[in-house]
Amino acid sequence: MSVRLTELSHGGGCGCKIAPAVLHEILGKAPLAQAFPDLMVGIESGDDAAVYRLNDEQAIIATTDFFMPIVDDAFDFGRIAATNALSDVYAMGGKPILALAIVGMPINSLPVETIRQILAGGASVCQQAGIPVAGGHSIDAPEPIYGLVALGVVHPAQVKRNNQARAGDVLILAKGLGVGILSAALKKSALNAEGYTEMLTSTTQLNTPGSWLSEMDSVHAMTDVTGFGLLGHLLGFCRGAKLTAELDFSKLPLLPIAEQLAQQGMVTGASTRNWQSYGHEVQLAPHLAEWQHNMLTDPQTSGGLLIACDADAATGVVQRLHQEGFGRAAIIGKLRTGVAQVVVG
């Protein structure tokens, strides 16, 4: 039986995320965990993972991430989902130590071998990261869902949050944008082999530099760009530190096939929902075309690290990222004093 995984779900990858405005409404009145002094990072700043201090030398990072298929190949789906889940540990500056699998599958619709391949793909990424998949939980679900609970460790003094950026910081993006556009094209059978390779290469590249970036005092804030798009996650920097971000669109690293498709009008529904959620906090230059607008809000799956660091350290950070295989890493803008917003020129 041949089954297209993407036909079994209403959305795929991080494009499945609840829209930022709706999520804010849901969580807006959730009580903050103020009674736990060793909880270093909770839900208060919408950061990538929770961080709990164990002692003066160790803190544990805990996160979970799962979604519906972004590709039809079962093994590739597992790889992408696992890479995306581990990214949150790296984005906090940590090193992963353990994973648990989250599995929801339509047992009557998917062959057992397909499900095995999804799990095998995820396990292969965890092996690459040097950690075990030590257990998990599974249910019979109407749509295929796969992801991980990921645990990591970090020195308490080296945690990189999304609300500690400083005026004068330079912004660096480590991966190209456009994964959402590529996934939309795939679902419409409009993505060629070159485009698929482009998407797979980006979404299965582990964000391991987060571990050494945490050791740099010149790096002040870090997150990964996922379902809310570049603008949405950058606004986390701006709101948390009460700063204005200035982006130069011409400096943004774009995945080449995704850029071509965007210019042809390919866009995701999640991109539109993202803009409706936070567009009032963004100023776009009049010369920017609609496709450029869509690229800024495009939901990324397993996207790149977004880094705020001292200006004099930025070139060195980019050079090391290039050396470690992040060839599209680039300086994309800066932060300055001002209201919490993003200005794109």
Protein backbone atom coordinates (compact mmCIF):
# COMPACT_ATOMS: atom_id res chain seq x y z
CA MET A 1 0.00 0.00 0.00
CA SER A 2 1.47 3.36 -1.07
CA VAL A 3 0.49 6.27 1.16
CA ARG A 4 1.59 9.91 0.91
CA LEU A 5 2.23 11.00 4.48
CA THR A 6 1.46 14.64 3.70
CA GLU A 7 -2.02 13.65 2.47
CA LEU A 8 -2.87 12.26 5.90
CA SER A 9 -2.48 15.57 7.74
CA HIS A 10 -4.01 19.03 7.48
CA GLY A 11 -0.62 20.70 7.97
CA GLY A 12 3.03 19.82 8.18
CA GLY A 13 6.15 20.63 10.15
CA CYS A 14 6.25 23.78 12.24
CA GLY A 15 3.54 25.22 10.02
CA CYS A 16 1.20 23.22 12.29
CA LYS A 17 1.89 25.57 15.17
CA ILE A 18 -0.98 27.50 16.69
CA ALA A 19 -0.84 31.09 15.41
CA PRO A 20 1.16 33.43 17.70
CA ALA A 21 -1.84 35.62 18.57
CA VAL A 22 -4.02 32.64 19.47
CA LEU A 23 -1.24 31.08 21.52
CA HIS A 24 -0.78 34.36 23.39
CA GLU A 25 -4.51 34.40 24.16
CA ILE A 26 -4.38 30.82 25.43
CA LEU A 27 -1.30 31.32 27.61
CA GLY A 28 -1.85 34.96 28.54
CA LYS A 29 -3.41 34.20 31.92
CA ALA A 30 -1.35 31.12 32.75
CA PRO A 31 0.24 31.45 36.21
CA LEU A 32 3.99 32.06 36.24
CA ALA A 33 6.05 29.53 38.21
CA GLN A 34 7.34 32.11 40.67
CA ALA A 35 7.38 29.66 43.57
CA PHE A 36 10.33 27.71 42.12
CA PRO A 37 13.55 29.69 42.55
CA ASP A 38 15.65 27.16 40.63
CA LEU A 39 13.45 27.37 37.54
CA MET A 40 15.70 29.64 35.48
CA VAL A 41 13.51 29.72 32.36
CA GLY A 42 9.78 29.01 32.26
CA ILE A 43 6.96 30.31 30.08
CA GLU A 44 7.39 34.00 30.92
CA SER A 45 9.37 34.97 27.79
CA GLY A 46 8.17 32.33 25.34
CA ASP A 47 11.67 30.86 25.17
CA ASP A 48 12.68 27.67 23.38
CA ALA A 49 12.86 25.36 26.41
CA ALA A 50 12.55 25.23 30.18
CA VAL A 51 15.76 25.38 32.21
CA TYR A 52 16.06 24.18 35.81
CA ARG A 53 19.17 24.74 37.93
CA LEU A 54 20.38 21.53 39.59
CA ASN A 55 23.43 23.04 41.30
CA ASP A 56 26.06 25.73 40.76
CA GLU A 57 27.59 23.82 37.83
CA GLN A 58 24.63 22.18 36.10
CA ALA A 59 21.20 23.09 34.79
CA ILE A 60 18.87 20.77 32.90
CA ILE A 61 17.12 21.84 29.71
CA ALA A 62 13.75 20.24 28.96
CA THR A 63 11.69 20.65 25.81
CA THR A 64 9.24 18.81 23.59
CA ASP A 65 8.44 19.23 19.92
CA PHE A 66 6.31 17.21 17.53
CA PHE A 67 4.34 17.75 14.35
CA MET A 68 2.65 16.18 11.36
CA PRO A 69 4.52 15.14 8.18
CA ILE A 70 6.31 17.79 6.18
CA VAL A 71 7.56 15.22 3.61
CA ASP A 72 6.28 11.90 2.28
CA ASP A 73 9.39 9.81 2.86
CA ALA A 74 8.94 8.20 6.29
CA PHE A 75 12.64 8.07 7.20
CA ASP A 76 13.15 11.70 6.18
CA PHE A 77 10.10 12.78 8.20
CA GLY A 78 11.60 11.14 11.28
CA ARG A 79 14.95 12.83 10.69
CA ILE A 80 13.43 16.28 10.26
CA ALA A 81 11.19 15.99 13.33
CA ALA A 82 14.03 14.81 15.55
CA THR A 83 16.45 17.49 14.32
CA ASN A 84 13.81 20.13 14.99
CA ALA A 85 13.15 18.87 18.52
CA LEU A 86 16.84 18.80 19.48
CA SER A 87 17.28 22.32 18.14
CA ASP A 88 15.60 23.83 21.18
CA VAL A 89 18.30 22.38 23.44
CA TYR A 90 21.04 23.89 21.28
CA ALA A 91 19.15 27.21 21.12
CA MET A 92 19.38 27.50 24.90
CA GLY A 93 23.12 26.90 24.71
CA GLY A 94 23.01 23.30 25.89
CA LYS A 95 24.09 19.83 24.86
CA PRO A 96 21.42 17.12 24.49
CA ILE A 97 21.76 14.03 26.69
CA LEU A 98 18.54 12.05 26.22
CA ALA A 99 15.40 11.83 24.10
CA LEU A 100 11.97 10.22 24.41
CA ALA A 101 9.81 9.56 21.36
CA ILE A 102 6.32 11.01 20.94
CA VAL A 103 4.31 8.90 18.48
CA GLY A 104 0.73 9.25 17.27
CA MET A 105 -0.15 7.18 14.20
CA PRO A 106 -3.31 6.22 12.27
CA ILE A 107 -2.75 2.49 12.67
CA ASN A 108 -5.44 1.54 10.15
CA SER A 109 -4.03 3.88 7.48
CA LEU A 110 -0.27 3.45 7.73
CA PRO A 111 1.69 0.23 7.18
CA VAL A 112 3.71 -0.88 10.19
CA GLU A 113 6.91 -0.63 8.15
CA THR A 114 6.22 3.05 7.42
CA ILE A 115 5.91 3.76 11.14
CA ARG A 116 9.12 1.83 11.78
CA GLN A 117 10.90 3.99 9.22
CA ILE A 118 9.70 7.20 10.89
CA LEU A 119 11.10 6.03 14.22
CA ALA A 120 14.32 4.87 12.56
CA GLY A 121 14.82 8.28 10.99
CA GLY A 122 14.46 9.99 14.36
CA ALA A 123 16.79 7.49 16.02
CA SER A 124 19.45 8.11 13.35
CA VAL A 125 19.52 11.83 14.20
CA CYS A 126 19.77 11.12 17.91
CA GLN A 127 22.67 8.77 17.19
CA GLN A 128 24.33 11.58 15.23
CA ALA A 129 23.82 13.87 18.24
CA GLY A 130 25.34 11.21 20.50
CA ILE A 131 22.25 10.52 22.60
CA PRO A 132 19.85 7.59 23.11
CA VAL A 133 16.13 7.44 22.44
CA ALA A 134 15.45 5.93 25.83
CA GLY A 135 11.67 5.46 25.66
CA GLY A 136 8.55 7.37 24.77
CA HIS A 137 4.80 7.12 24.37
CA SER A 138 2.54 6.14 21.47
CA ILE A 139 -1.17 6.46 20.66
CA ASP A 140 -3.50 5.58 17.79
CA ALA A 141 -4.24 9.00 16.26
CA PRO A 142 -6.24 10.22 13.23
CA GLU A 143 -3.18 12.01 11.77
CA PRO A 144 0.48 10.94 11.92
CA ILE A 145 2.44 12.79 14.61
CA TYR A 146 6.07 12.31 15.57
CA GLY A 147 8.57 14.19 17.68
CA LEU A 148 10.73 14.05 20.78
CA VAL A 149 11.00 15.07 24.37
CA ALA A 150 14.59 16.32 24.51
CA LEU A 151 16.70 16.81 27.62
CA GLY A 152 20.02 18.62 27.76
CA VAL A 153 22.53 20.12 30.15
CA VAL A 154 24.18 23.54 30.36
CA HIS A 155 26.18 25.53 32.90
CA PRO A 156 23.75 27.90 34.65
CA ALA A 157 25.94 30.89 33.77
CA GLN A 158 25.93 29.97 30.08
CA VAL A 159 22.19 29.71 29.40
CA LYS A 160 21.29 31.79 26.35
CA ARG A 161 17.82 33.27 26.61
CA ASN A 162 15.74 35.11 24.02
CA ASN A 163 15.29 38.25 26.16
CA GLN A 164 18.86 39.28 26.95
CA ALA A 165 19.85 41.06 23.74
CA ARG A 166 21.51 44.48 24.04
CA ALA A 167 21.38 47.72 22.09
CA GLY A 168 24.18 47.69 19.54
CA ASP A 169 24.11 43.91 19.11
CA VAL A 170 24.50 42.50 15.63
CA LEU A 171 21.98 39.89 14.41
CA ILE A 172 23.20 36.67 12.77
CA LEU A 173 21.05 34.01 11.09
CA ALA A 174 22.72 30.62 10.63
CA LYS A 175 20.47 28.93 8.03
CA GLY A 176 18.63 30.00 4.91
CA LEU A 177 14.93 30.93 4.93
CA GLY A 178 12.19 29.35 2.85
CA VAL A 179 11.49 25.88 4.26
CA GLY A 180 7.76 26.60 4.58
CA ILE A 181 7.55 27.60 0.92
CA LEU A 182 9.38 24.42 -0.12
CA SER A 183 7.05 22.27 1.97
CA ALA A 184 4.00 23.99 0.47
CA ALA A 185 5.32 23.25 -3.00
CA LEU A 186 5.95 19.61 -2.07
CA LYS A 187 2.40 19.15 -0.85
CA LYS A 188 1.16 20.56 -4.19
CA SER A 189 3.52 18.23 -6.14
CA ALA A 190 5.33 21.32 -7.42
CA LEU A 191 8.77 20.71 -5.88
CA ASN A 192 11.54 19.24 -8.02
CA ALA A 193 14.35 16.97 -6.82
CA GLU A 194 16.74 19.89 -6.38
CA GLY A 195 14.23 21.69 -4.18
CA TYR A 196 13.62 18.58 -2.08
CA THR A 197 17.35 18.16 -1.52
CA GLU A 198 17.56 21.83 -0.53
CA MET A 199 14.80 21.39 2.03
CA LEU A 200 16.16 18.13 3.42
CA THR A 201 19.71 19.44 3.74
CA SER A 202 18.54 22.43 5.76
CA THR A 203 16.02 20.68 8.00
CA THR A 204 18.30 17.80 8.99
CA GLN A 205 21.32 19.93 9.92
CA LEU A 206 21.67 19.89 13.70
CA ASN A 207 22.13 23.30 15.32
CA THR A 208 25.16 22.07 17.27
CA PRO A 209 26.92 25.50 17.25
CA GLY A 210 24.55 26.51 20.03
CA SER A 211 26.74 24.58 22.46
CA TRP A 212 29.91 26.59 21.76
CA LEU A 213 28.03 29.84 21.32
CA SER A 214 26.88 29.47 24.93
CA GLU A 215 30.50 29.72 26.04
CA MET A 216 30.93 33.16 24.45
CA ASP A 217 30.28 36.14 26.72
CA SER A 218 29.89 38.26 23.59
CA VAL A 219 26.78 36.27 22.62
CA HIS A 220 23.89 37.75 24.57
CA ALA A 221 20.73 36.13 23.20
CA MET A 222 19.82 33.17 21.04
CA THR A 223 16.79 31.36 19.66
CA ASP A 224 15.95 29.22 16.65
CA VAL A 225 13.67 30.36 13.84
CA THR A 226 10.76 27.96 13.48
CA GLY A 227 7.00 28.17 12.99
CA PHE A 228 6.49 31.89 13.68
CA GLY A 229 8.93 32.89 10.93
CA LEU A 230 11.96 35.16 11.18
CA LEU A 231 9.88 38.20 12.20
CA GLY A 232 8.00 36.33 14.90
CA HIS A 233 11.05 34.93 16.62
CA LEU A 234 13.03 38.16 16.25
CA LEU A 235 10.18 39.99 17.95
CA GLY A 236 10.89 37.76 20.95
CA PHE A 237 14.30 39.45 21.18
CA CYS A 238 12.73 42.89 20.80
CA ARG A 239 9.94 42.44 23.33
CA GLY A 240 12.15 40.81 25.94
CA ALA A 241 14.88 43.47 25.80
CA LYS A 242 12.66 46.40 24.75
CA LEU A 243 14.68 47.09 21.62
CA THR A 244 14.10 47.83 17.94
CA ALA A 245 15.55 45.45 15.35
CA GLU A 246 16.66 46.77 11.98
CA LEU A 247 16.88 44.18 9.18
CA ASP A 248 18.35 44.56 5.72
CA PHE A 249 16.35 42.23 3.48
CA SER A 250 19.16 42.07 0.92
CA LYS A 251 21.39 40.46 3.59
CA LEU A 252 18.98 37.65 4.45
CA PRO A 253 20.15 34.17 3.47
CA LEU A 254 17.43 32.65 1.28
CA LEU A 255 17.23 29.06 0.06
CA PRO A 256 17.57 29.49 -3.74
CA ILE A 257 14.70 27.24 -4.90
CA ALA A 258 12.47 28.68 -2.18
CA GLU A 259 13.24 32.19 -3.39
CA GLN A 260 12.27 31.23 -6.94
CA LEU A 261 9.01 29.67 -5.78
CA ALA A 262 8.20 32.66 -3.57
CA GLN A 263 8.62 34.99 -6.55
CA GLN A 264 6.18 32.78 -8.44
CA GLY A 265 3.57 33.24 -5.71
CA MET A 266 4.08 30.16 -3.53
CA VAL A 267 3.10 30.90 0.07
CA THR A 268 1.82 29.03 3.14
CA GLY A 269 -1.34 29.66 5.10
CA ALA A 270 0.75 29.81 8.28
CA SER A 271 2.68 32.75 6.83
CA THR A 272 -0.55 34.72 6.56
CA ARG A 273 -1.59 33.78 10.10
CA ASN A 274 1.81 34.84 11.38
CA TRP A 275 1.49 38.31 9.83
CA GLN A 276 -2.02 38.75 11.21
CA SER A 277 -0.63 37.97 14.67
CA TYR A 278 2.29 40.40 14.78
CA GLY A 279 2.21 42.62 11.70
CA HIS A 280 1.32 45.66 13.82
CA GLU A 281 4.81 45.41 15.38
CA VAL A 282 6.63 45.47 12.03
CA GLN A 283 7.53 48.31 9.64
CA LEU A 284 8.23 47.21 6.08
CA ALA A 285 9.93 49.45 3.53
CA PRO A 286 7.58 50.33 0.65
CA HIS A 287 9.92 48.84 -1.96
CA LEU A 288 9.58 45.31 -0.55
CA ALA A 289 7.48 43.03 -2.77
CA GLU A 290 4.79 40.68 -1.52
CA TRP A 291 7.04 37.64 -1.96
CA GLN A 292 9.66 39.27 0.28
CA HIS A 293 6.98 39.96 2.86
CA ASN A 294 5.99 36.28 2.71
CA MET A 295 9.58 35.14 3.14
CA LEU A 296 9.88 37.14 6.36
CA THR A 297 6.86 35.38 7.89
CA ASP A 298 7.48 31.96 6.32
CA PRO A 299 7.23 29.21 8.97
CA GLN A 300 10.54 27.39 9.23
CA THR A 301 10.85 23.78 10.30
CA SER A 302 14.17 22.99 11.97
CA GLY A 303 15.31 26.51 11.11
CA GLY A 304 18.56 28.23 11.88
CA LEU A 305 19.87 29.82 15.04
CA LEU A 306 19.21 33.54 15.43
CA ILE A 307 22.04 35.12 17.40
CA ALA A 308 22.49 38.55 19.02
CA CYS A 309 26.12 39.34 19.79
CA ASP A 310 28.64 42.15 20.19
CA ALA A 311 29.47 43.83 16.90
CA ASP A 312 33.19 43.11 17.23
CA ALA A 313 32.53 39.37 17.64
CA ALA A 314 30.05 38.97 14.77
CA THR A 315 32.50 38.37 11.94
CA GLY A 316 34.30 35.67 13.90
CA VAL A 317 31.02 33.94 14.74
CA VAL A 318 29.97 33.90 11.09
CA GLN A 319 33.37 32.58 9.99
CA ARG A 320 33.20 29.70 12.47
CA LEU A 321 29.65 28.88 11.40
CA HIS A 322 30.87 28.69 7.82
CA GLN A 323 33.70 26.39 8.87
CA GLU A 324 31.22 24.06 10.55
CA GLY A 325 29.03 23.69 7.48
CA PHE A 326 26.57 26.57 7.91
CA GLY A 327 27.57 28.17 4.64
CA ARG A 328 24.58 30.53 4.46
CA ALA A 329 25.15 32.06 7.92
CA ALA A 330 25.09 35.83 7.61
CA ILE A 331 24.84 39.12 9.47
CA ILE A 332 21.29 40.33 8.78
CA GLY A 333 20.82 43.42 10.94
CA LYS A 334 21.26 45.05 14.33
CA LEU A 335 19.43 46.06 17.49
CA ARG A 336 19.05 49.58 18.83
CA THR A 337 17.21 51.39 21.57
CA GLY A 338 13.54 52.04 20.81
CA VAL A 339 10.13 50.47 21.05
CA ALA A 340 9.79 46.71 20.62
CA GLN A 341 9.44 46.35 16.86
CA VAL A 342 11.18 45.17 13.69
CA VAL A 343 12.01 47.59 10.89
CA VAL A 344 12.82 45.96 7.53
CA GLY A 345 14.54 47.85 4.74
